[in-house]
Amino acid sequence: CTKCHVPAGRYCRDRIAGVHRVVRFHRPRQ
């Protein structure tokens, strides 16, 4: 993912309230 910089084979993530959370595949990755 070019947005959250996770490598191939990992779920995308966003930082929400100081904690990384699993999110849907970001649009740039899709």
Full PDB file with SEQRES, HELIX, SHEET, SSBOND, CRYST1, ORIGX, SCALE, CONECT and MASTER records, all heavy atoms in Angstrom:
SEQRES   1 A   30  CYS THR LYS CYS HIS VAL PRO ALA GLY ARG TYR CYS ARG          
SEQRES   2 A   30  ASP ARG ILE ALA GLY VAL HIS ARG VAL VAL ARG PHE HIS          
SEQRES   3 A   30  ARG PRO ARG GLN                                              
SHEET    1 AA1 2 CYS A  12  ILE A  16  0                                        
SHEET    2 AA1 2 VAL A  19  VAL A  23 -1                                        
CRYST1    1.000    1.000    1.000  90.00  90.00  90.00 P 1           1          
ORIGX1      1.000000  0.000000  0.000000        0.00000                         
ORIGX2      0.000000  1.000000  0.000000        0.00000                         
ORIGX3      0.000000  0.000000  1.000000        0.00000                         
SCALE1      1.000000  0.000000  0.000000        0.00000                         
SCALE2      0.000000  1.000000  0.000000        0.00000                         
SCALE3      0.000000  0.000000  1.000000        0.00000                         
ATOM      1  N   CYS A   1       0.843  -1.200   0.000  1.00  0.00           N  
ATOM      2  CA  CYS A   1       0.000   0.000   0.000  1.00  0.00           C  
ATOM      3  C   CYS A   1       0.875   1.246   0.000  1.00  0.00           C  
ATOM      4  O   CYS A   1       1.714   1.423   0.886  1.00  0.00           O  
ATOM      5  CB  CYS A   1      -0.935   0.019   1.207  1.00  0.00           C  
ATOM      6  SG  CYS A   1      -2.068   1.433   1.168  1.00  0.00           S  
ATOM      7  N   THR A   2       0.653   2.112  -0.981  1.00  0.00           N  
ATOM      8  CA  THR A   2       1.426   3.341  -1.069  1.00  0.00           C  
ATOM      9  C   THR A   2       0.908   4.412  -0.118  1.00  0.00           C  
ATOM     10  O   THR A   2       1.594   5.399   0.123  1.00  0.00           O  
ATOM     11  CB  THR A   2       1.411   3.892  -2.511  1.00  0.00           C  
ATOM     12  OG1 THR A   2       0.059   4.089  -2.921  1.00  0.00           O  
ATOM     13  CG2 THR A   2       2.098   2.923  -3.468  1.00  0.00           C  
ATOM     14  N   LYS A   3      -0.278   4.220   0.448  1.00  0.00           N  
ATOM     15  CA  LYS A   3      -0.819   5.216   1.374  1.00  0.00           C  
ATOM     16  C   LYS A   3      -0.347   4.966   2.804  1.00  0.00           C  
ATOM     17  O   LYS A   3       0.144   5.861   3.470  1.00  0.00           O  
ATOM     18  CB  LYS A   3      -2.348   5.219   1.323  1.00  0.00           C  
ATOM     19  CG  LYS A   3      -2.949   6.257   2.256  1.00  0.00           C  
ATOM     20  CD  LYS A   3      -4.436   6.369   2.106  1.00  0.00           C  
ATOM     21  CE  LYS A   3      -4.946   7.445   3.065  1.00  0.00           C  
ATOM     22  NZ  LYS A   3      -6.378   7.632   2.956  1.00  0.00           N  
ATOM     23  N   CYS A   4      -0.507   3.722   3.300  1.00  0.00           N  
ATOM     24  CA  CYS A   4      -0.129   3.452   4.695  1.00  0.00           C  
ATOM     25  C   CYS A   4       1.203   2.709   4.804  1.00  0.00           C  
ATOM     26  O   CYS A   4       1.663   2.416   5.897  1.00  0.00           O  
ATOM     27  CB  CYS A   4      -1.241   2.694   5.422  1.00  0.00           C  
ATOM     28  SG  CYS A   4      -1.595   1.044   4.770  1.00  0.00           S  
ATOM     29  N   HIS A   5       1.801   2.395   3.662  1.00  0.00           N  
ATOM     30  CA  HIS A   5       3.146   1.814   3.583  1.00  0.00           C  
ATOM     31  C   HIS A   5       3.280   0.424   4.202  1.00  0.00           C  
ATOM     32  O   HIS A   5       4.362   0.053   4.647  1.00  0.00           O  
ATOM     33  CB  HIS A   5       4.190   2.773   4.178  1.00  0.00           C  
ATOM     34  CG  HIS A   5       4.109   4.133   3.575  1.00  0.00           C  
ATOM     35  ND1 HIS A   5       4.486   4.392   2.274  1.00  0.00           N  
ATOM     36  CD2 HIS A   5       3.653   5.309   4.074  1.00  0.00           C  
ATOM     37  CE1 HIS A   5       4.287   5.668   2.005  1.00  0.00           C  
ATOM     38  NE2 HIS A   5       3.769   6.254   3.074  1.00  0.00           N  
ATOM     39  N   VAL A   6       2.188  -0.349   4.214  1.00  0.00           N  
ATOM     40  CA  VAL A   6       2.313  -1.743   4.644  1.00  0.00           C  
ATOM     41  C   VAL A   6       2.811  -2.549   3.448  1.00  0.00           C  
ATOM     42  O   VAL A   6       2.511  -2.215   2.300  1.00  0.00           O  
ATOM     43  CB  VAL A   6       0.977  -2.324   5.187  1.00  0.00           C  
ATOM     44  CG1 VAL A   6       0.548  -1.612   6.447  1.00  0.00           C  
ATOM     45  CG2 VAL A   6      -0.112  -2.302   4.144  1.00  0.00           C  
ATOM     46  N   PRO A   7       3.581  -3.599   3.702  1.00  0.00           N  
ATOM     47  CA  PRO A   7       4.062  -4.418   2.584  1.00  0.00           C  
ATOM     48  C   PRO A   7       2.944  -5.293   2.028  1.00  0.00           C  
ATOM     49  O   PRO A   7       1.885  -5.442   2.648  1.00  0.00           O  
ATOM     50  CB  PRO A   7       5.161  -5.269   3.232  1.00  0.00           C  
ATOM     51  CG  PRO A   7       4.778  -5.352   4.668  1.00  0.00           C  
ATOM     52  CD  PRO A   7       4.095  -4.058   4.989  1.00  0.00           C  
ATOM     53  N   ALA A   8       3.197  -5.878   0.878  1.00  0.00           N  
ATOM     54  CA  ALA A   8       2.243  -6.841   0.313  1.00  0.00           C  
ATOM     55  C   ALA A   8       2.010  -7.943   1.342  1.00  0.00           C  
ATOM     56  O   ALA A   8       2.912  -8.312   2.093  1.00  0.00           O  
ATOM     57  CB  ALA A   8       2.812  -7.432  -0.971  1.00  0.00           C  
ATOM     58  N   GLY A   9       0.790  -8.432   1.397  1.00  0.00           N  
ATOM     59  CA  GLY A   9       0.468  -9.519   2.319  1.00  0.00           C  
ATOM     60  C   GLY A   9      -0.012  -9.070   3.682  1.00  0.00           C  
ATOM     61  O   GLY A   9      -0.286  -9.891   4.550  1.00  0.00           O  
ATOM     62  N   ARG A  10      -0.126  -7.751   3.909  1.00  0.00           N  
ATOM     63  CA  ARG A  10      -0.599  -7.226   5.200  1.00  0.00           C  
ATOM     64  C   ARG A  10      -1.842  -6.374   4.980  1.00  0.00           C  
ATOM     65  O   ARG A  10      -2.005  -5.746   3.937  1.00  0.00           O  
ATOM     66  CB  ARG A  10       0.461  -6.361   5.875  1.00  0.00           C  
ATOM     67  CG  ARG A  10       1.758  -7.070   6.156  1.00  0.00           C  
ATOM     68  CD  ARG A  10       1.630  -7.912   7.416  1.00  0.00           C  
ATOM     69  NE  ARG A  10       2.922  -8.437   7.823  1.00  0.00           N  
ATOM     70  CZ  ARG A  10       3.266  -9.710   7.680  1.00  0.00           C  
ATOM     71  NH1 ARG A  10       2.438 -10.562   7.149  1.00  0.00           N  
ATOM     72  NH2 ARG A  10       4.437 -10.122   8.083  1.00  0.00           N  
ATOM     73  N   TYR A  11      -2.710  -6.334   5.976  1.00  0.00           N  
ATOM     74  CA  TYR A  11      -3.890  -5.477   5.915  1.00  0.00           C  
ATOM     75  C   TYR A  11      -3.469  -4.011   5.944  1.00  0.00           C  
ATOM     76  O   TYR A  11      -2.451  -3.668   6.548  1.00  0.00           O  
ATOM     77  CB  TYR A  11      -4.807  -5.728   7.113  1.00  0.00           C  
ATOM     78  CG  TYR A  11      -5.538  -7.047   7.066  1.00  0.00           C  
ATOM     79  CD1 TYR A  11      -5.100  -8.135   7.813  1.00  0.00           C  
ATOM     80  CD2 TYR A  11      -6.679  -7.199   6.284  1.00  0.00           C  
ATOM     81  CE1 TYR A  11      -5.782  -9.347   7.777  1.00  0.00           C  
ATOM     82  CE2 TYR A  11      -7.362  -8.403   6.247  1.00  0.00           C  
ATOM     83  CZ  TYR A  11      -6.915  -9.472   6.987  1.00  0.00           C  
ATOM     84  OH  TYR A  11      -7.582 -10.664   6.958  1.00  0.00           O  
ATOM     85  N   CYS A  12      -4.277  -3.143   5.335  1.00  0.00           N  
ATOM     86  CA  CYS A  12      -4.043  -1.702   5.431  1.00  0.00           C  
ATOM     87  C   CYS A  12      -4.375  -1.238   6.846  1.00  0.00           C  
ATOM     88  O   CYS A  12      -5.100  -1.907   7.582  1.00  0.00           O  
ATOM     89  CB  CYS A  12      -4.915  -0.946   4.420  1.00  0.00           C  
ATOM     90  SG  CYS A  12      -4.301  -1.033   2.735  1.00  0.00           S  
ATOM     91  N   ARG A  13      -3.832  -0.070   7.204  1.00  0.00           N  
ATOM     92  CA  ARG A  13      -4.047   0.454   8.552  1.00  0.00           C  
ATOM     93  C   ARG A  13      -4.191   1.967   8.507  1.00  0.00           C  
ATOM     94  O   ARG A  13      -3.688   2.631   7.615  1.00  0.00           O  
ATOM     95  CB  ARG A  13      -2.890   0.078   9.462  1.00  0.00           C  
ATOM     96  CG  ARG A  13      -1.592   0.727   9.038  1.00  0.00           C  
ATOM     97  CD  ARG A  13      -0.429   0.312   9.872  1.00  0.00           C  
ATOM     98  NE  ARG A  13       0.780   0.944   9.325  1.00  0.00           N  
ATOM     99  CZ  ARG A  13       1.979   0.524   9.553  1.00  0.00           C  
ATOM    100  NH1 ARG A  13       2.178  -0.533  10.318  1.00  0.00           N  
ATOM    101  NH2 ARG A  13       3.019   1.142   9.038  1.00  0.00           N  
ATOM    102  N   ASP A  14      -4.904   2.485   9.483  1.00  0.00           N  
ATOM    103  CA  ASP A  14      -5.000   3.925   9.728  1.00  0.00           C  
ATOM    104  C   ASP A  14      -4.770   4.131  11.206  1.00  0.00           C  
ATOM    105  O   ASP A  14      -5.116   3.278  12.035  1.00  0.00           O  
ATOM    106  CB  ASP A  14      -6.386   4.471   9.363  1.00  0.00           C  
ATOM    107  CG  ASP A  14      -6.529   4.789   7.884  1.00  0.00           C  
ATOM    108  OD1 ASP A  14      -5.508   4.909   7.183  1.00  0.00           O  
ATOM    109  OD2 ASP A  14      -7.679   4.923   7.439  1.00  0.00           O  
ATOM    110  N   ARG A  15      -4.227   5.288  11.547  1.00  0.00           N  
ATOM    111  CA  ARG A  15      -4.024   5.643  12.951  1.00  0.00           C  
ATOM    112  C   ARG A  15      -5.260   6.404  13.420  1.00  0.00           C  
ATOM    113  O   ARG A  15      -5.576   7.476  12.911  1.00  0.00           O  
ATOM    114  CB  ARG A  15      -2.766   6.476  13.116  1.00  0.00           C  
ATOM    115  CG  ARG A  15      -2.316   6.624  14.532  1.00  0.00           C  
ATOM    116  CD  ARG A  15      -0.880   7.188  14.555  1.00  0.00           C  
ATOM    117  NE  ARG A  15      -0.345   7.157  15.875  1.00  0.00           N  
ATOM    118  CZ  ARG A  15       0.214   6.093  16.450  1.00  0.00           C  
ATOM    119  NH1 ARG A  15       0.292   4.965  15.784  1.00  0.00           N  
ATOM    120  NH2 ARG A  15       0.678   6.150  17.670  1.00  0.00           N  
ATOM    121  N   ILE A  16      -5.980   5.836  14.369  1.00  0.00           N  
ATOM    122  CA  ILE A  16      -7.213   6.424  14.894  1.00  0.00           C  
ATOM    123  C   ILE A  16      -7.064   6.542  16.404  1.00  0.00           C  
ATOM    124  O   ILE A  16      -6.874   5.539  17.098  1.00  0.00           O  
ATOM    125  CB  ILE A  16      -8.441   5.554  14.543  1.00  0.00           C  
ATOM    126  CG1 ILE A  16      -8.532   5.392  13.019  1.00  0.00           C  
ATOM    127  CG2 ILE A  16      -9.721   6.158  15.121  1.00  0.00           C  
ATOM    128  CD1 ILE A  16      -9.509   4.338  12.565  1.00  0.00           C  
ATOM    129  N   ALA A  17      -7.129   7.769  16.908  1.00  0.00           N  
ATOM    130  CA  ALA A  17      -6.987   8.034  18.348  1.00  0.00           C  
ATOM    131  C   ALA A  17      -5.691   7.427  18.887  1.00  0.00           C  
ATOM    132  O   ALA A  17      -5.659   6.834  19.965  1.00  0.00           O  
ATOM    133  CB  ALA A  17      -8.193   7.524  19.117  1.00  0.00           C  
ATOM    134  N   GLY A  18      -4.616   7.531  18.095  1.00  0.00           N  
ATOM    135  CA  GLY A  18      -3.314   7.063  18.540  1.00  0.00           C  
ATOM    136  C   GLY A  18      -3.075   5.569  18.420  1.00  0.00           C  
ATOM    137  O   GLY A  18      -2.041   5.065  18.841  1.00  0.00           O  
ATOM    138  N   VAL A  19      -4.023   4.840  17.838  1.00  0.00           N  
ATOM    139  CA  VAL A  19      -3.903   3.383  17.706  1.00  0.00           C  
ATOM    140  C   VAL A  19      -4.061   3.005  16.237  1.00  0.00           C  
ATOM    141  O   VAL A  19      -4.958   3.502  15.555  1.00  0.00           O  
ATOM    142  CB  VAL A  19      -4.997   2.669  18.546  1.00  0.00           C  
ATOM    143  CG1 VAL A  19      -4.935   1.168  18.363  1.00  0.00           C  
ATOM    144  CG2 VAL A  19      -4.885   3.041  20.005  1.00  0.00           C  
ATOM    145  N   HIS A  20      -3.181   2.129  15.748  1.00  0.00           N  
ATOM    146  CA  HIS A  20      -3.339   1.634  14.374  1.00  0.00           C  
ATOM    147  C   HIS A  20      -4.509   0.665  14.335  1.00  0.00           C  
ATOM    148  O   HIS A  20      -4.586  -0.257  15.144  1.00  0.00           O  
ATOM    149  CB  HIS A  20      -2.073   0.926  13.894  1.00  0.00           C  
ATOM    150  CG  HIS A  20      -1.036   1.867  13.419  1.00  0.00           C  
ATOM    151  ND1 HIS A  20       0.174   2.014  14.046  1.00  0.00           N  
ATOM    152  CD2 HIS A  20      -1.024   2.734  12.374  1.00  0.00           C  
ATOM    153  CE1 HIS A  20       0.889   2.928  13.413  1.00  0.00           C  
ATOM    154  NE2 HIS A  20       0.176   3.383  12.398  1.00  0.00           N  
ATOM    155  N   ARG A  21      -5.415   0.873  13.387  1.00  0.00           N  
ATOM    156  CA  ARG A  21      -6.588   0.021  13.198  1.00  0.00           C  
ATOM    157  C   ARG A  21      -6.583  -0.548  11.787  1.00  0.00           C  
ATOM    158  O   ARG A  21      -6.114   0.085  10.843  1.00  0.00           O  
ATOM    159  CB  ARG A  21      -7.870   0.822  13.395  1.00  0.00           C  
ATOM    160  CG  ARG A  21      -7.990   1.425  14.759  1.00  0.00           C  
ATOM    161  CD  ARG A  21      -9.034   0.699  15.532  1.00  0.00           C  
ATOM    162  NE  ARG A  21      -9.087   1.198  16.902  1.00  0.00           N  
ATOM    163  CZ  ARG A  21      -9.254   0.425  17.933  1.00  0.00           C  
ATOM    164  NH1 ARG A  21      -9.384  -0.866  17.776  1.00  0.00           N  
ATOM    165  NH2 ARG A  21      -9.302   0.921  19.143  1.00  0.00           N  
ATOM    166  N   VAL A  22      -7.121  -1.754  11.650  1.00  0.00           N  
ATOM    167  CA  VAL A  22      -7.289  -2.378  10.341  1.00  0.00           C  
ATOM    168  C   VAL A  22      -8.368  -1.609   9.596  1.00  0.00           C  
ATOM    169  O   VAL A  22      -9.421  -1.294  10.162  1.00  0.00           O  
ATOM    170  CB  VAL A  22      -7.718  -3.854  10.497  1.00  0.00           C  
ATOM    171  CG1 VAL A  22      -8.058  -4.469   9.142  1.00  0.00           C  
ATOM    172  CG2 VAL A  22      -6.631  -4.655  11.185  1.00  0.00           C  
ATOM    173  N   VAL A  23      -8.102  -1.288   8.336  1.00  0.00           N  
ATOM    174  CA  VAL A  23      -9.083  -0.616   7.486  1.00  0.00           C  
ATOM    175  C   VAL A  23      -9.173  -1.351   6.151  1.00  0.00           C  
ATOM    176  O   VAL A  23      -8.341  -2.200   5.848  1.00  0.00           O  
ATOM    177  CB  VAL A  23      -8.720   0.867   7.253  1.00  0.00           C  
ATOM    178  CG1 VAL A  23      -8.763   1.648   8.557  1.00  0.00           C  
ATOM    179  CG2 VAL A  23      -7.365   1.020   6.600  1.00  0.00           C  
ATOM    180  N   ARG A  24     -10.195  -0.989   5.384  1.00  0.00           N  
ATOM    181  CA  ARG A  24     -10.331  -1.602   4.056  1.00  0.00           C  
ATOM    182  C   ARG A  24      -9.087  -1.292   3.244  1.00  0.00           C  
ATOM    183  O   ARG A  24      -8.326  -0.385   3.574  1.00  0.00           O  
ATOM    184  CB  ARG A  24     -11.579  -1.083   3.352  1.00  0.00           C  
ATOM    185  CG  ARG A  24     -11.478   0.374   2.952  1.00  0.00           C  
ATOM    186  CD  ARG A  24     -12.686   0.784   2.130  1.00  0.00           C  
ATOM    187  NE  ARG A  24     -12.649   2.194   1.807  1.00  0.00           N  
ATOM    188  CZ  ARG A  24     -12.000   2.708   0.772  1.00  0.00           C  
ATOM    189  NH1 ARG A  24     -11.318   1.940  -0.030  1.00  0.00           N  
ATOM    190  NH2 ARG A  24     -12.015   4.000   0.551  1.00  0.00           N  
ATOM    191  N   PHE A  25      -8.888  -2.031   2.172  1.00  0.00           N  
ATOM    192  CA  PHE A  25      -7.765  -1.734   1.299  1.00  0.00           C  
ATOM    193  C   PHE A  25      -7.914  -0.293   0.815  1.00  0.00           C  
ATOM    194  O   PHE A  25      -8.962   0.090   0.294  1.00  0.00           O  
ATOM    195  CB  PHE A  25      -7.743  -2.671   0.089  1.00  0.00           C  
ATOM    196  CG  PHE A  25      -7.456  -4.104   0.432  1.00  0.00           C  
ATOM    197  CD1 PHE A  25      -8.387  -5.095   0.174  1.00  0.00           C  
ATOM    198  CD2 PHE A  25      -6.251  -4.468   1.009  1.00  0.00           C  
ATOM    199  CE1 PHE A  25      -8.115  -6.416   0.469  1.00  0.00           C  
ATOM    200  CE2 PHE A  25      -5.973  -5.786   1.313  1.00  0.00           C  
ATOM    201  CZ  PHE A  25      -6.912  -6.770   1.042  1.00  0.00           C  
ATOM    202  N   HIS A  26      -6.872   0.509   1.010  1.00  0.00           N  
ATOM    203  CA  HIS A  26      -6.929   1.903   0.573  1.00  0.00           C  
ATOM    204  C   HIS A  26      -7.098   1.980  -0.940  1.00  0.00           C  
ATOM    205  O   HIS A  26      -6.660   1.098  -1.676  1.00  0.00           O  
ATOM    206  CB  HIS A  26      -5.651   2.646   0.993  1.00  0.00           C  
ATOM    207  CG  HIS A  26      -5.593   2.925   2.449  1.00  0.00           C  
ATOM    208  ND1 HIS A  26      -4.621   2.387   3.267  1.00  0.00           N  
ATOM    209  CD2 HIS A  26      -6.403   3.670   3.251  1.00  0.00           C  
ATOM    210  CE1 HIS A  26      -4.825   2.811   4.504  1.00  0.00           C  
ATOM    211  NE2 HIS A  26      -5.901   3.587   4.520  1.00  0.00           N  
ATOM    212  N   ARG A  27      -7.732   3.054  -1.404  1.00  0.00           N  
ATOM    213  CA  ARG A  27      -8.009   3.220  -2.837  1.00  0.00           C  
ATOM    214  C   ARG A  27      -6.735   3.173  -3.681  1.00  0.00           C  
ATOM    215  O   ARG A  27      -6.734   2.522  -4.742  1.00  0.00           O  
ATOM    216  CB  ARG A  27      -8.779   4.522  -3.066  1.00  0.00           C  
ATOM    217  CG  ARG A  27      -9.107   4.786  -4.524  1.00  0.00           C  
ATOM    218  CD  ARG A  27      -9.836   3.652  -5.208  1.00  0.00           C  
ATOM    219  NE  ARG A  27     -11.200   3.532  -4.734  1.00  0.00           N  
ATOM    220  CZ  ARG A  27     -12.051   2.616  -5.162  1.00  0.00           C  
ATOM    221  NH1 ARG A  27     -11.687   1.738  -6.082  1.00  0.00           N  
ATOM    222  NH2 ARG A  27     -13.258   2.556  -4.685  1.00  0.00           N  
ATOM    223  N   PRO A  28      -5.603   3.791  -3.277  1.00  0.00           N  
ATOM    224  CA  PRO A  28      -4.401   3.664  -4.112  1.00  0.00           C  
ATOM    225  C   PRO A  28      -3.951   2.206  -4.268  1.00  0.00           C  
ATOM    226  O   PRO A  28      -3.506   1.802  -5.353  1.00  0.00           O  
ATOM    227  CB  PRO A  28      -3.346   4.481  -3.367  1.00  0.00           C  
ATOM    228  CG  PRO A  28      -4.121   5.461  -2.554  1.00  0.00           C  
ATOM    229  CD  PRO A  28      -5.385   4.746  -2.169  1.00  0.00           C  
ATOM    230  N   ARG A  29      -4.094   1.419  -3.228  1.00  0.00           N  
ATOM    231  CA  ARG A  29      -3.729   0.003  -3.313  1.00  0.00           C  
ATOM    232  C   ARG A  29      -4.680  -0.733  -4.256  1.00  0.00           C  
ATOM    233  O   ARG A  29      -4.257  -1.564  -5.056  1.00  0.00           O  
ATOM    234  CB  ARG A  29      -3.781  -0.615  -1.915  1.00  0.00           C  
ATOM    235  CG  ARG A  29      -3.257  -2.034  -1.849  1.00  0.00           C  
ATOM    236  CD  ARG A  29      -3.268  -2.523  -0.423  1.00  0.00           C  
ATOM    237  NE  ARG A  29      -2.525  -3.747  -0.254  1.00  0.00           N  
ATOM    238  CZ  ARG A  29      -2.315  -4.325   0.913  1.00  0.00           C  
ATOM    239  NH1 ARG A  29      -2.774  -3.771   2.029  1.00  0.00           N  
ATOM    240  NH2 ARG A  29      -1.633  -5.447   1.000  1.00  0.00           N  
ATOM    241  N   GLN A  30      -5.973  -0.427  -4.155  1.00  0.00           N  
ATOM    242  CA  GLN A  30      -6.943  -1.047  -5.059  1.00  0.00           C  
ATOM    243  C   GLN A  30      -6.663  -0.656  -6.507  1.00  0.00           C  
ATOM    244  O   GLN A  30      -6.734  -1.501  -7.406  1.00  0.00           O  
ATOM    245  CB  GLN A  30      -8.369  -0.650  -4.667  1.00  0.00           C  
ATOM    246  CG  GLN A  30      -8.811  -1.243  -3.341  1.00  0.00           C  
ATOM    247  CD  GLN A  30     -10.268  -0.995  -3.052  1.00  0.00           C  
ATOM    248  OE1 GLN A  30     -11.114  -1.145  -3.938  1.00  0.00           O  
ATOM    249  NE2 GLN A  30     -10.589  -0.630  -1.825  1.00  0.00           N  
TER     250      GLN A  30                                                      
MASTER        0    0    0    0    2    0    0    6  249    1    0    3          
END                                                                             
